[in-house]
C-alpha atoms as a PDB file:
ATOM      1  CA  MET A   1      71.134 147.826  62.585  1.00  0.00           C
ATOM      2  CA  ILE A   2      72.746 144.461  63.197  1.00  0.00           C
ATOM      3  CA  PRO A   3      76.568 144.524  63.068  1.00  0.00           C
ATOM      4  CA  GLY A   4      78.180 142.512  60.286  1.00  0.00           C
ATOM      5  CA  ALA A   5      80.203 140.553  62.824  1.00  0.00           C
ATOM      6  CA  VAL A   6      76.957 139.298  64.381  1.00  0.00           C
ATOM      7  CA  LEU A   7      75.663 138.245  60.965  1.00  0.00           C
ATOM      8  CA  LEU A   8      78.907 136.356  60.324  1.00  0.00           C
ATOM      9  CA  ALA A   9      78.710 134.749  63.780  1.00  0.00           C
ATOM     10  CA  VAL A  10      75.270 133.353  62.887  1.00  0.00           C
ATOM     11  CA  THR A  11      76.287 132.317  59.367  1.00  0.00           C
ATOM     12  CA  LEU A  12      79.225 130.078  60.306  1.00  0.00           C
ATOM     13  CA  PRO A  13      77.248 127.716  62.583  1.00  0.00           C
ATOM     14  CA  ALA A  14      74.532 127.528  59.912  1.00  0.00           C
ATOM     15  CA  ILE A  15      77.146 126.367  57.403  1.00  0.00           C
ATOM     16  CA  GLU A  16      78.483 123.802  59.882  1.00  0.00           C
ATOM     17  CA  GLU A  17      75.004 122.428  60.466  1.00  0.00           C
ATOM     18  CA  GLY A  18      74.052 122.472  56.799  1.00  0.00           C
ATOM     19  CA  LEU A  19      77.169 120.649  55.644  1.00  0.00           C
ATOM     20  CA  GLY A  20      77.580 118.483  58.722  1.00  0.00           C
ATOM     21  CA  VAL A  21      81.207 119.561  59.199  1.00  0.00           C
ATOM     22  CA  SER A  22      83.176 121.410  61.835  1.00  0.00           C
ATOM     23  CA  LEU A  23      84.759 124.635  60.632  1.00  0.00           C
ATOM     24  CA  SER A  24      87.397 124.592  63.375  1.00  0.00           C
ATOM     25  CA  SER A  25      90.174 123.840  60.839  1.00  0.00           C
ATOM     26  CA  TRP A  26      88.882 126.421  58.365  1.00  0.00           C
ATOM     27  CA  ARG A  27      89.813 130.072  57.968  1.00  0.00           C
ATOM     28  CA  LEU A  28      87.894 133.006  56.604  1.00  0.00           C
ATOM     29  CA  ARG A  29      89.465 133.732  53.221  1.00  0.00           C
ATOM     30  CA  SER A  30      87.265 136.732  52.536  1.00  0.00           C
ATOM     31  CA  ALA A  31      84.178 138.507  53.822  1.00  0.00           C
ATOM     32  CA  LYS A  32      82.506 141.583  52.390  1.00  0.00           C
ATOM     33  CA  PHE A  33      79.770 143.362  54.278  1.00  0.00           C
ATOM     34  CA  LEU A  34      77.706 145.012  51.560  1.00  0.00           C
ATOM     35  CA  ALA A  35      74.606 146.210  53.397  1.00  0.00           C
ATOM     36  CA  PRO A  36      73.288 146.231  56.961  1.00  0.00           C
ATOM     37  CA  ALA A  37      70.674 143.870  58.368  1.00  0.00           C
ATOM     38  CA  ARG A  38      67.910 145.356  60.458  1.00  0.00           C
ATOM     39  CA  PRO A  39      65.997 143.817  63.338  1.00  0.00           C
ATOM     40  CA  GLY A  40      63.066 141.863  61.925  1.00  0.00           C
ATOM     41  CA  ASP A  41      64.724 141.198  58.539  1.00  0.00           C
ATOM     42  CA  HIS A  42      64.315 137.661  57.201  1.00  0.00           C
ATOM     43  CA  VAL A  43      67.918 136.825  56.278  1.00  0.00           C
ATOM     44  CA  THR A  44      68.610 133.884  53.986  1.00  0.00           C
ATOM     45  CA  ILE A  45      71.961 132.120  54.090  1.00  0.00           C
ATOM     46  CA  GLU A  46      73.189 130.283  51.010  1.00  0.00           C
ATOM     47  CA  PHE A  47      76.421 128.353  50.729  1.00  0.00           C
ATOM     48  CA  ALA A  48      78.114 125.886  48.410  1.00  0.00           C
ATOM     49  CA  ARG A  49      81.426 124.176  47.981  1.00  0.00           C
ATOM     50  CA  SER A  50      83.678 125.781  45.410  1.00  0.00           C
ATOM     51  CA  ALA A  51      85.808 123.969  42.822  1.00  0.00           C
ATOM     52  CA  ASP A  52      88.964 124.533  44.890  1.00  0.00           C
ATOM     53  CA  GLY A  53      87.445 122.840  47.968  1.00  0.00           C
ATOM     54  CA  GLY A  54      86.456 126.017  49.754  1.00  0.00           C
ATOM     55  CA  ILE A  55      82.995 127.131  50.788  1.00  0.00           C
ATOM     56  CA  ARG A  56      81.380 130.246  49.334  1.00  0.00           C
ATOM     57  CA  PHE A  57      78.528 131.847  51.218  1.00  0.00           C
ATOM     58  CA  ALA A  58      76.144 134.762  50.956  1.00  0.00           C
ATOM     59  CA  CYS A  59      73.484 136.299  53.182  1.00  0.00           C
ATOM     60  CA  ALA A  60      70.631 138.304  51.742  1.00  0.00           C
ATOM     61  CA  VAL A  61      67.320 139.931  52.504  1.00  0.00           C
ATOM     62  CA  GLY A  62      65.256 139.436  49.369  1.00  0.00           C
ATOM     63  CA  GLN A  63      67.465 140.469  46.452  1.00  0.00           C
ATOM     64  CA  ARG A  64      69.718 142.646  48.653  1.00  0.00           C
ATOM     65  CA  THR A  65      73.024 140.929  49.443  1.00  0.00           C
ATOM     66  CA  LEU A  66      74.235 141.752  52.940  1.00  0.00           C
ATOM     67  CA  LEU A  67      77.336 139.607  53.245  1.00  0.00           C
ATOM     68  CA  LYS A  68      79.349 137.396  50.948  1.00  0.00           C
ATOM     69  CA  GLY A  69      82.504 135.501  51.626  1.00  0.00           C
ATOM     70  CA  GLU A  70      84.576 132.383  51.334  1.00  0.00           C
ATOM     71  CA  LEU A  71      86.092 129.869  53.730  1.00  0.00           C
ATOM     72  CA  GLN A  72      89.233 127.848  53.093  1.00  0.00           C
ATOM     73  CA  CYS A  73      90.266 124.672  54.883  1.00  0.00           C
ATOM     74  CA  ASN A  74      93.677 124.980  56.529  1.00  0.00           C
ATOM     75  CA  THR A  75      94.365 121.256  56.064  1.00  0.00           C
ATOM     76  CA  GLY A  76      93.611 121.006  52.321  1.00  0.00           C
ATOM     77  CA  PRO A  77      90.432 120.449  50.321  1.00  0.00           C
ATOM     78  CA  ALA A  78      87.236 119.837  52.263  1.00  0.00           C
ATOM     79  CA  GLU A  79      85.891 116.345  52.614  1.00  0.00           C
ATOM     80  CA  ALA A  80      82.409 115.635  51.308  1.00  0.00           C
END
């Protein structure tokens, strides 16, 4: 099994690249590891800005959610 911390470590750079922002001034507001990933799994990463300026994200294999969480900017709402 792949540790949740490794999944999170892959997810954050994917969010940075997808949104074109640095997450260096952001903090992890929440993260829930719901199921393990296994070697060879095709993990999808989805993320979106939330109404309060944060970023919500989820990782899944098919319909099985592995990880979900939220990031919050330490300096106020995120810029577009």
